[in-house]
Amino acid sequence: MKGGQSSRFWGRHSSLTLAALFLTTIFFWSWENNPLLTSLLSAQEQFLMHTSDFTVDHFDDTSLLSNPLELEEDSVSQLPENTEDDITIKPSESDMDEMTTPVYERKEQNRVSDSHIKKKACDYGKGRWVADNRRPLYSGLGCKQWLSDMWACRLTQRTDFSYEGYRWQPNDCEMPEFQGSEFLRRMQDKTIAFIGDSLGRQQFQSLMCMASGGEEKPEVESVEWKFGLTKSKGAIRPDGWAYRFPATNTTILYYWSASLCGIEPINITDPATEYAMHLDRPPAFLERYLPQLDVVILNTGHHWNRGKLRANKWVMYAEGKKVINRKLAEMGNAKNYTLYSIARWFDSQIPLYPHLKVFLRTISPRHFANGEWNTGGSCNNLSPLSKGNEVFQNQSSDPVVEGAVSGTMVKILDITALSELRDEAHISHYSRKASEGVNDCLHWCLPGIPDTWNELLYAQL
């Protein structure tokens, strides 16, 4: 009798245990797959779940406060910028899948009906450099109306310009030939905006030269006033430039936003105030002028370091509060959080503005060898394609940007790997104003590599 009771007891106990395990399994499955449950997590928690294995290259902050390349180049909003360096994000292999499919992404199958199969898009970042005697697309001597002297390498002591004679040829798809008049016709009544750092400004100047054919265009109007692009008190330059081609009513503008964050004074009445750097908010310029924009090209990356933040009195904020989460406050994680945030913000705005096309450009590579800009680093190679001429990989060399746009309507402008092959095309020590012994292995000669970025943009438009 006792044996029978014992058997029934253990039978009931086993059944309850199995039921509990079954319910627990169902709960966790629901948590993984139910977007409502996932949305209950804060934005910070969702992001940090997928960045736990990031490693960040750290820099000596004190060495970043007097970069002469930066002092002469970047425009300034609140305070003159003093540094420009990059943070390299190195996700572990085991974390790659998670990075490119974040918890909070909108599943692509929700956007496209299962009954419609989209034609596979061209991978413009996979291809090869080929010689082309029709390059460059404009004259580095003639495009003085738009091109900064410091970037016009034909105005320097450099004598070798073989880097100008190549074009990018993607695999398995055609690149349309860029013609300024055709580009302006296609962009009739549209506004194209570059939002980013000095490399975004290079791309902006490149497109101005390409659209005008590198010729003087006195009829082109300055329309900065339409976009509030005025010179702030104490700034070296205005926050941006805007030009309108009257024949087609096409406007091309640039707005300086090195971090792609919303930045505002913490105490507006205090001249010495710090500034809140809202990692999860877009720049106020975008919030205000987005309805007027048709094409937006975003970039950031080389300004994310402690020296930069200190020089500008920037303090990280997220969800309206000062960041105290130490993992989020790590520079690489903060940058990644910002990239994911702005991609999601644009994803929420594009349905409101069906005409809008948004591109997030991958990071432009640096080519310093044997040191940094201030420790003897240089880029003296003048031989084109000495590092090879072809990109074979299927993934982007900037997995953070690739992950940020995944599952959104924001497109990737993937220029990292193809630009990595062109170390001979930097300004190097030929910059007209660089200090003796200092090399600029970050910015590019124009005409040059940023022209290719714009050809890729044109192809994807």
Protein backbone atom coordinates (compact mmCIF):
# COMPACT_ATOMS: atom_id res chain seq x y z
CA MET A 1 0.00 0.00 0.00
CA LYS A 2 2.78 2.36 0.91
CA GLY A 3 4.54 1.44 -2.30
CA GLY A 4 1.45 2.35 -4.34
CA GLN A 5 1.15 5.76 -2.64
CA SER A 6 4.82 6.41 -3.25
CA SER A 7 4.46 5.59 -6.95
CA ARG A 8 1.44 7.88 -7.28
CA PHE A 9 3.33 10.66 -5.46
CA TRP A 10 6.37 10.45 -7.72
CA GLY A 11 4.14 10.18 -10.76
CA ARG A 12 2.33 13.41 -9.85
CA HIS A 13 5.68 15.09 -9.03
CA SER A 14 7.13 14.10 -12.41
CA SER A 15 4.06 15.37 -14.23
CA LEU A 16 4.25 18.72 -12.45
CA THR A 17 7.96 19.03 -13.24
CA LEU A 18 7.39 18.29 -16.92
CA ALA A 19 4.52 20.79 -17.03
CA ALA A 20 6.68 23.47 -15.42
CA LEU A 21 9.48 22.83 -17.91
CA PHE A 22 7.00 22.99 -20.78
CA LEU A 23 5.53 26.31 -19.59
CA THR A 24 8.98 27.77 -19.02
CA THR A 25 10.01 26.81 -22.55
CA ILE A 26 6.86 28.41 -23.99
CA PHE A 27 7.52 31.60 -21.97
CA PHE A 28 11.07 32.04 -23.18
CA TRP A 29 10.06 31.22 -26.76
CA SER A 30 7.41 33.92 -26.56
CA TRP A 31 9.86 36.40 -25.09
CA GLU A 32 12.29 35.80 -28.00
CA ASN A 33 9.63 36.06 -30.68
CA ASN A 34 7.01 38.46 -29.38
CA PRO A 35 7.89 42.04 -30.34
CA LEU A 36 5.48 43.36 -27.72
CA LEU A 37 7.40 41.64 -24.95
CA THR A 38 10.70 42.73 -26.42
CA SER A 39 9.50 46.32 -26.66
CA LEU A 40 9.08 46.39 -22.89
CA LEU A 41 12.86 46.48 -22.60
CA SER A 42 14.40 49.95 -22.60
CA ALA A 43 16.32 50.97 -25.71
CA GLN A 44 19.56 50.84 -23.73
CA GLU A 45 18.89 47.28 -22.49
CA GLN A 46 18.04 46.07 -25.98
CA PHE A 47 21.24 47.55 -27.39
CA LEU A 48 23.52 46.29 -24.63
CA MET A 49 22.17 42.78 -25.00
CA HIS A 50 23.84 42.78 -28.38
CA THR A 51 27.07 44.63 -27.68
CA SER A 52 28.42 42.69 -24.74
CA ASP A 53 31.33 41.28 -26.71
CA PHE A 54 32.45 44.51 -28.40
CA THR A 55 36.08 45.44 -27.97
CA VAL A 56 37.21 49.00 -28.50
CA ASP A 57 40.62 50.28 -29.42
CA HIS A 58 41.48 52.89 -26.80
CA PHE A 59 43.45 56.04 -27.51
CA ASP A 60 45.58 58.22 -25.30
CA ASP A 61 43.21 61.12 -24.79
CA THR A 62 45.99 63.61 -24.13
CA SER A 63 47.45 62.97 -27.58
CA LEU A 64 44.23 64.00 -29.29
CA LEU A 65 43.95 67.62 -28.29
CA SER A 66 46.03 69.41 -30.90
CA ASN A 67 45.55 67.77 -34.28
CA PRO A 68 46.48 70.43 -36.86
CA LEU A 69 44.65 68.55 -39.58
CA GLU A 70 41.46 68.84 -37.56
CA LEU A 71 41.93 72.46 -36.54
CA GLU A 72 42.10 73.67 -40.11
CA GLU A 73 39.39 71.42 -41.43
CA ASP A 74 36.19 70.94 -39.48
CA SER A 75 33.45 73.46 -39.07
CA VAL A 76 32.32 74.07 -35.50
CA SER A 77 28.97 74.41 -33.79
CA GLN A 78 29.66 75.27 -30.15
CA LEU A 79 33.43 75.09 -29.77
CA PRO A 80 36.36 74.60 -32.14
CA GLU A 81 37.05 70.88 -32.60
CA ASN A 82 40.54 69.78 -31.71
CA THR A 83 40.77 66.15 -32.71
CA GLU A 84 39.80 63.67 -35.31
CA ASP A 85 40.46 60.00 -34.78
CA ASP A 86 38.55 56.80 -35.21
CA ILE A 87 37.30 54.04 -33.00
CA THR A 88 37.56 50.56 -34.44
CA ILE A 89 34.77 48.23 -33.38
CA LYS A 90 35.78 44.58 -33.47
CA PRO A 91 32.80 42.29 -32.83
CA SER A 92 33.61 38.73 -31.94
CA GLU A 93 32.75 36.12 -34.56
CA SER A 94 30.16 34.57 -32.26
CA ASP A 95 28.43 37.95 -31.94
CA MET A 96 28.29 38.77 -35.65
CA ASP A 97 24.88 37.20 -36.21
CA GLU A 98 23.41 39.11 -33.29
CA MET A 99 24.90 42.42 -34.44
CA THR A 100 23.37 42.18 -37.88
CA THR A 101 19.95 41.06 -36.57
CA PRO A 102 19.24 43.22 -33.49
CA VAL A 103 16.35 42.37 -31.19
CA TYR A 104 14.44 45.51 -32.06
CA GLU A 105 14.69 45.26 -35.87
CA ARG A 106 11.53 45.15 -37.90
CA LYS A 107 11.46 41.84 -39.70
CA GLU A 108 11.86 42.24 -43.44
CA GLN A 109 9.13 39.72 -44.12
CA ASN A 110 6.66 42.11 -42.43
CA ARG A 111 7.50 44.74 -45.07
CA VAL A 112 7.24 42.55 -48.17
CA SER A 113 4.35 40.27 -48.94
CA ASP A 114 5.34 36.62 -49.19
CA SER A 115 3.58 36.51 -52.56
CA HIS A 116 6.04 39.01 -54.03
CA ILE A 117 9.71 38.13 -54.47
CA LYS A 118 12.02 41.12 -54.75
CA LYS A 119 14.80 41.11 -57.29
CA LYS A 120 18.12 40.74 -55.49
CA ALA A 121 19.73 44.14 -55.12
CA CYS A 122 23.19 44.77 -56.48
CA ASP A 123 26.05 44.61 -53.99
CA TYR A 124 27.84 47.76 -55.08
CA GLY A 125 30.60 47.30 -52.52
CA LYS A 126 31.79 44.05 -54.11
CA GLY A 127 33.80 44.49 -57.29
CA ARG A 128 37.11 45.81 -58.58
CA TRP A 129 39.00 48.95 -59.54
CA VAL A 130 39.69 49.25 -63.28
CA ALA A 131 41.77 51.78 -65.22
CA ASP A 132 39.70 54.39 -67.07
CA ASN A 133 41.23 57.18 -69.13
CA ARG A 134 37.96 59.14 -68.91
CA ARG A 135 38.74 59.92 -65.29
CA PRO A 136 38.71 62.24 -63.41
CA LEU A 137 35.16 63.50 -63.80
CA TYR A 138 36.18 67.14 -63.24
CA SER A 139 39.30 69.24 -62.99
CA GLY A 140 41.02 69.69 -59.66
CA LEU A 141 42.40 72.97 -61.00
CA GLY A 142 39.10 74.26 -62.31
CA CYS A 143 36.59 73.46 -59.57
CA LYS A 144 37.57 76.37 -57.34
CA GLN A 145 34.00 77.52 -56.72
CA TRP A 146 33.24 74.53 -54.48
CA LEU A 147 36.51 72.75 -53.71
CA SER A 148 38.62 73.68 -50.67
CA ASP A 149 42.24 74.42 -51.58
CA MET A 150 43.52 72.05 -48.91
CA TRP A 151 41.83 69.12 -50.67
CA ALA A 152 42.70 70.08 -54.25
CA CYS A 153 45.92 68.08 -54.55
CA ARG A 154 46.71 69.58 -57.97
CA LEU A 155 47.20 72.89 -56.18
CA THR A 156 49.89 71.34 -53.96
CA GLN A 157 53.45 70.18 -54.63
CA ARG A 158 52.28 66.68 -55.53
CA THR A 159 53.33 65.67 -59.05
CA ASP A 160 51.87 62.15 -59.36
CA PHE A 161 48.14 61.99 -60.09
CA SER A 162 47.80 58.41 -61.32
CA TYR A 163 45.26 57.81 -58.52
CA GLU A 164 42.74 59.84 -60.55
CA GLY A 165 42.58 57.34 -63.41
CA TYR A 166 40.41 54.55 -61.99
CA ARG A 167 36.73 53.75 -61.67
CA TRP A 168 34.91 51.22 -59.51
CA GLN A 169 33.20 48.31 -61.28
CA PRO A 170 30.77 46.29 -59.12
CA ASN A 171 30.39 42.59 -59.85
CA ASP A 172 27.23 41.39 -61.59
CA CYS A 173 25.66 44.82 -62.11
CA GLU A 174 26.22 47.92 -64.18
CA MET A 175 27.24 51.32 -62.88
CA PRO A 176 25.52 54.14 -64.77
CA GLU A 177 27.92 56.69 -66.22
CA PHE A 178 27.73 59.86 -64.15
CA GLN A 179 26.89 63.01 -66.08
CA GLY A 180 26.26 66.21 -64.19
CA SER A 181 23.43 67.42 -66.42
CA GLU A 182 21.64 64.07 -66.25
CA PHE A 183 22.09 63.91 -62.49
CA LEU A 184 20.55 67.36 -62.06
CA ARG A 185 17.68 66.45 -64.38
CA ARG A 186 16.93 63.34 -62.33
CA MET A 187 17.17 65.39 -59.14
CA GLN A 188 14.87 68.13 -60.41
CA ASP A 189 12.98 69.88 -57.60
CA LYS A 190 14.84 67.78 -55.03
CA THR A 191 17.14 68.56 -52.10
CA ILE A 192 20.14 66.36 -51.32
CA ALA A 193 21.65 66.67 -47.84
CA PHE A 194 24.97 65.40 -46.53
CA ILE A 195 24.95 65.19 -42.73
CA GLY A 196 28.21 64.27 -41.02
CA ASP A 197 31.85 65.12 -40.36
CA SER A 198 34.61 66.54 -42.59
CA LEU A 199 34.59 63.39 -44.73
CA GLY A 200 30.91 64.06 -45.35
CA ARG A 201 31.94 67.56 -46.35
CA GLN A 202 34.45 66.07 -48.80
CA GLN A 203 31.67 64.02 -50.36
CA PHE A 204 29.50 67.15 -50.55
CA GLN A 205 32.22 69.16 -52.30
CA SER A 206 32.88 66.24 -54.62
CA LEU A 207 29.22 66.12 -55.67
CA MET A 208 29.16 69.87 -56.25
CA CYS A 209 32.14 69.51 -58.60
CA MET A 210 30.63 66.48 -60.32
CA ALA A 211 27.22 68.13 -60.80
CA SER A 212 28.77 71.30 -62.22
CA GLY A 213 31.38 69.47 -64.29
CA GLY A 214 34.03 71.33 -62.33
CA GLU A 215 33.16 74.55 -64.14
CA GLU A 216 32.28 77.97 -62.78
CA LYS A 217 28.52 78.31 -62.37
CA PRO A 218 27.74 81.92 -61.39
CA GLU A 219 24.03 81.22 -61.67
CA VAL A 220 24.14 78.74 -58.77
CA GLU A 221 22.65 80.38 -55.70
CA SER A 222 23.70 80.16 -52.06
CA VAL A 223 20.59 79.28 -50.06
CA GLU A 224 22.00 78.70 -46.56
CA TRP A 225 19.34 81.02 -45.17
CA LYS A 226 16.62 78.51 -46.10
CA PHE A 227 18.16 75.96 -43.73
CA GLY A 228 19.38 78.15 -40.88
CA LEU A 229 23.02 77.54 -41.79
CA THR A 230 24.50 80.58 -40.12
CA LYS A 231 27.89 81.03 -38.50
CA SER A 232 27.58 80.56 -34.74
CA LYS A 233 29.29 82.93 -32.32
CA GLY A 234 32.90 81.86 -31.85
CA ALA A 235 32.80 79.38 -34.73
CA ILE A 236 35.45 79.24 -37.44
CA ARG A 237 32.91 78.34 -40.12
CA PRO A 238 29.14 78.12 -40.51
CA ASP A 239 27.37 74.90 -39.64
CA GLY A 240 27.02 74.11 -43.31
CA TRP A 241 26.49 75.23 -46.88
CA ALA A 242 23.60 74.96 -49.34
CA TYR A 243 23.53 75.65 -53.08
CA ARG A 244 20.66 75.66 -55.57
CA PHE A 245 20.97 74.94 -59.30
CA PRO A 246 18.16 77.16 -60.67
CA ALA A 247 17.73 75.39 -64.03
CA THR A 248 16.47 72.23 -62.32
CA ASN A 249 15.67 73.64 -58.86
CA THR A 250 18.11 71.11 -57.36
CA THR A 251 19.62 71.92 -53.96
CA ILE A 252 22.73 70.23 -52.55
CA LEU A 253 23.63 70.98 -48.94
CA TYR A 254 25.98 69.93 -46.18
CA TYR A 255 25.32 70.16 -42.44
CA TRP A 256 28.10 69.57 -39.93
CA SER A 257 27.13 66.93 -37.37
CA ALA A 258 30.20 64.87 -36.49
CA SER A 259 28.33 62.54 -34.11
CA LEU A 260 24.82 62.43 -35.65
CA CYS A 261 23.47 63.21 -32.16
CA GLY A 262 21.13 65.84 -30.87
CA ILE A 263 23.31 68.33 -28.96
CA GLU A 264 21.93 71.07 -26.74
CA PRO A 265 23.24 73.24 -23.88
CA ILE A 266 22.51 71.87 -20.43
CA ASN A 267 22.24 75.37 -18.93
CA ILE A 268 21.42 77.88 -21.65
CA THR A 269 22.08 80.84 -19.32
CA ASP A 270 25.64 79.75 -18.51
CA PRO A 271 28.26 80.67 -21.17
CA ALA A 272 30.52 77.90 -19.82
CA THR A 273 27.80 75.26 -19.87
CA GLU A 274 28.31 71.66 -20.87
CA TYR A 275 26.29 70.21 -23.71
CA ALA A 276 23.98 67.21 -23.58
CA MET A 277 24.92 64.74 -26.31
CA HIS A 278 21.66 62.83 -26.79
CA LEU A 279 22.73 59.48 -28.21
CA ASP A 280 19.15 58.51 -29.05
CA ARG A 281 18.05 61.77 -30.70
CA PRO A 282 18.80 63.02 -34.22
CA PRO A 283 20.37 66.45 -34.74
CA ALA A 284 17.83 69.24 -34.34
CA PHE A 285 18.58 70.26 -37.93
CA LEU A 286 17.07 66.99 -39.17
CA GLU A 287 14.00 67.24 -36.99
CA ARG A 288 13.34 70.76 -38.27
CA TYR A 289 14.16 70.46 -41.97
CA LEU A 290 13.41 66.82 -42.79
CA PRO A 291 10.18 67.66 -44.68
CA GLN A 292 12.28 69.69 -47.14
CA LEU A 293 14.80 66.91 -47.83
CA ASP A 294 14.57 64.22 -50.52
CA VAL A 295 17.92 62.42 -50.23
CA VAL A 296 19.95 62.22 -47.00
CA ILE A 297 23.48 60.81 -46.73
CA LEU A 298 24.70 60.27 -43.16
CA ASN A 299 28.15 59.49 -41.80
CA THR A 300 29.99 59.43 -38.49
CA GLY A 301 32.86 57.54 -36.89
CA HIS A 302 36.14 59.44 -36.62
CA HIS A 303 35.08 61.84 -33.88
CA TRP A 304 34.22 59.30 -31.22
CA ASN A 305 36.99 59.70 -28.64
CA ARG A 306 37.32 61.16 -25.15
CA GLY A 307 39.48 64.06 -26.27
CA LYS A 308 36.77 65.18 -28.65
CA LEU A 309 34.05 65.03 -26.01
CA ARG A 310 36.13 66.94 -23.46
CA ALA A 311 37.11 69.65 -25.93
CA ASN A 312 33.46 70.26 -26.80
CA LYS A 313 32.11 69.79 -23.26
CA TRP A 314 29.83 67.04 -24.52
CA VAL A 315 28.15 64.83 -21.90
CA MET A 316 26.42 61.61 -22.99
CA TYR A 317 22.66 61.42 -22.46
CA ALA A 318 20.15 58.68 -23.31
CA GLU A 319 16.40 58.52 -22.70
CA GLY A 320 16.61 62.11 -21.42
CA LYS A 321 19.07 61.30 -18.62
CA LYS A 322 22.82 61.42 -18.17
CA VAL A 323 24.36 58.08 -19.09
CA ILE A 324 25.55 56.24 -15.97
CA ASN A 325 25.61 52.77 -17.51
CA ARG A 326 29.34 52.13 -17.80
CA LYS A 327 28.99 49.76 -20.73
CA LEU A 328 26.91 52.22 -22.75
CA ALA A 329 29.37 54.99 -21.83
CA GLU A 330 32.20 53.10 -23.53
CA MET A 331 33.03 55.09 -26.64
CA GLY A 332 32.51 52.30 -29.15
CA ASN A 333 29.19 51.26 -27.63
CA ALA A 334 27.98 54.87 -27.50
CA LYS A 335 28.77 55.32 -31.19
CA ASN A 336 27.02 52.07 -32.10
CA TYR A 337 23.98 52.96 -30.00
CA THR A 338 23.78 56.28 -31.86
CA LEU A 339 24.00 54.61 -35.27
CA TYR A 340 21.23 52.16 -34.40
CA SER A 341 19.14 54.98 -32.94
CA ILE A 342 19.34 57.27 -35.97
CA ALA A 343 18.62 54.39 -38.35
CA ARG A 344 15.50 53.52 -36.35
CA TRP A 345 14.46 57.18 -36.22
CA PHE A 346 14.67 57.52 -39.98
CA ASP A 347 12.86 54.21 -40.36
CA SER A 348 9.98 55.75 -38.42
CA GLN A 349 10.02 58.92 -40.55
CA ILE A 350 10.28 57.48 -44.06
CA PRO A 351 6.63 56.27 -44.11
CA LEU A 352 5.63 59.88 -43.36
CA TYR A 353 7.69 61.17 -46.29
CA PRO A 354 7.42 58.57 -49.10
CA HIS A 355 9.71 60.64 -51.35
CA LEU A 356 12.58 60.38 -48.86
CA LYS A 357 15.64 58.20 -49.49
CA VAL A 358 18.20 57.80 -46.69
CA PHE A 359 21.71 56.35 -46.86
CA LEU A 360 24.02 55.57 -43.97
CA ARG A 361 27.58 55.60 -45.28
CA THR A 362 30.11 53.17 -43.85
CA ILE A 363 33.32 54.49 -42.31
CA SER A 364 36.10 55.85 -44.49
CA PRO A 365 39.39 54.03 -43.76
CA ARG A 366 42.56 55.69 -42.49
CA HIS A 367 45.96 54.64 -43.80
CA PHE A 368 48.49 55.81 -41.21
CA ALA A 369 51.57 53.56 -41.16
CA ASN A 370 54.36 53.47 -38.57
CA GLY A 371 52.54 55.75 -36.17
CA GLU A 372 49.64 58.16 -35.86
CA TRP A 373 49.33 61.68 -37.29
CA ASN A 374 51.35 63.09 -34.37
CA THR A 375 53.85 60.24 -33.91
CA GLY A 376 55.43 60.00 -37.34
CA GLY A 377 52.62 58.15 -39.08
CA SER A 378 52.58 58.51 -42.86
CA CYS A 379 51.00 57.28 -46.09
CA ASN A 380 53.75 57.76 -48.66
CA ASN A 381 52.72 55.11 -51.18
CA LEU A 382 52.05 56.58 -54.65
CA SER A 383 51.49 53.32 -56.52
CA PRO A 384 47.79 52.68 -57.26
CA LEU A 385 46.31 49.38 -56.12
CA SER A 386 49.44 48.11 -54.41
CA LYS A 387 47.07 46.48 -51.88
CA GLY A 388 45.07 44.74 -54.62
CA ASN A 389 42.22 45.85 -56.86
CA GLU A 390 39.26 43.69 -55.87
CA VAL A 391 36.81 43.22 -53.00
CA PHE A 392 35.60 39.62 -52.67
CA GLN A 393 33.80 39.60 -49.32
CA ASN A 394 30.02 39.38 -49.03
CA GLN A 395 29.72 41.30 -45.76
CA SER A 396 30.52 44.95 -45.20
CA SER A 397 33.83 45.89 -43.59
CA ASP A 398 31.72 48.10 -41.30
CA PRO A 399 29.47 45.55 -39.52
CA VAL A 400 28.06 48.18 -37.17
CA VAL A 401 26.53 50.26 -39.97
CA GLU A 402 25.45 47.06 -41.72
CA GLY A 403 23.68 45.96 -38.55
CA ALA A 404 22.16 49.38 -37.90
CA VAL A 405 20.35 49.51 -41.25
CA SER A 406 19.32 45.84 -41.18
CA GLY A 407 15.55 45.53 -41.14
CA THR A 408 15.01 49.25 -41.81
CA MET A 409 14.23 51.30 -44.90
CA VAL A 410 17.59 53.06 -44.55
CA LYS A 411 20.07 51.94 -47.21
CA ILE A 412 23.76 51.26 -46.72
CA LEU A 413 26.31 53.18 -48.78
CA ASP A 414 29.14 50.69 -48.46
CA ILE A 415 32.48 52.34 -49.27
CA THR A 416 34.89 50.96 -46.65
CA ALA A 417 36.46 47.94 -48.35
CA LEU A 418 36.79 49.54 -51.79
CA SER A 419 38.37 52.66 -50.24
CA GLU A 420 40.74 50.53 -48.16
CA LEU A 421 42.49 49.52 -51.40
CA ARG A 422 43.33 53.15 -52.27
CA ASP A 423 45.95 54.22 -49.72
CA GLU A 424 47.80 56.23 -52.40
CA ALA A 425 44.91 58.67 -52.81
CA HIS A 426 45.16 60.52 -49.47
CA ILE A 427 46.45 64.07 -49.14
CA SER A 428 49.52 62.69 -47.34
CA HIS A 429 52.22 65.31 -46.66
CA TYR A 430 51.19 67.41 -49.68
CA SER A 431 48.54 69.36 -47.78
CA ARG A 432 49.21 73.06 -48.23
CA LYS A 433 48.68 74.02 -44.60
CA ALA A 434 49.65 70.91 -42.65
CA SER A 435 52.48 71.30 -40.15
CA GLU A 436 55.89 70.05 -41.18
CA GLY A 437 56.21 66.32 -40.61
CA VAL A 438 52.43 65.83 -40.34
CA ASN A 439 50.61 63.59 -42.83
CA ASP A 440 46.91 63.63 -43.57
CA CYS A 441 46.13 59.96 -44.16
CA LEU A 442 42.44 60.43 -43.34
CA HIS A 443 41.12 62.94 -45.89
CA TRP A 444 41.31 62.28 -49.63
CA CYS A 445 42.62 64.21 -52.60
CA LEU A 446 39.88 65.66 -54.80
CA PRO A 447 39.16 64.65 -57.50
CA GLY A 448 39.49 61.24 -55.94
CA ILE A 449 37.87 58.49 -53.92
CA PRO A 450 34.82 60.48 -52.65
CA ASP A 451 33.81 60.86 -56.33
CA THR A 452 33.36 57.08 -56.40
CA TRP A 453 31.21 57.26 -53.28
CA ASN A 454 28.94 59.66 -55.16
CA GLU A 455 28.86 57.39 -58.22
CA LEU A 456 27.65 54.58 -55.94
CA LEU A 457 25.05 56.96 -54.49
CA TYR A 458 23.90 57.90 -57.99
CA ALA A 459 23.61 54.23 -58.98
CA GLN A 460 21.45 53.48 -55.93
CA LEU A 461 19.17 56.44 -56.50
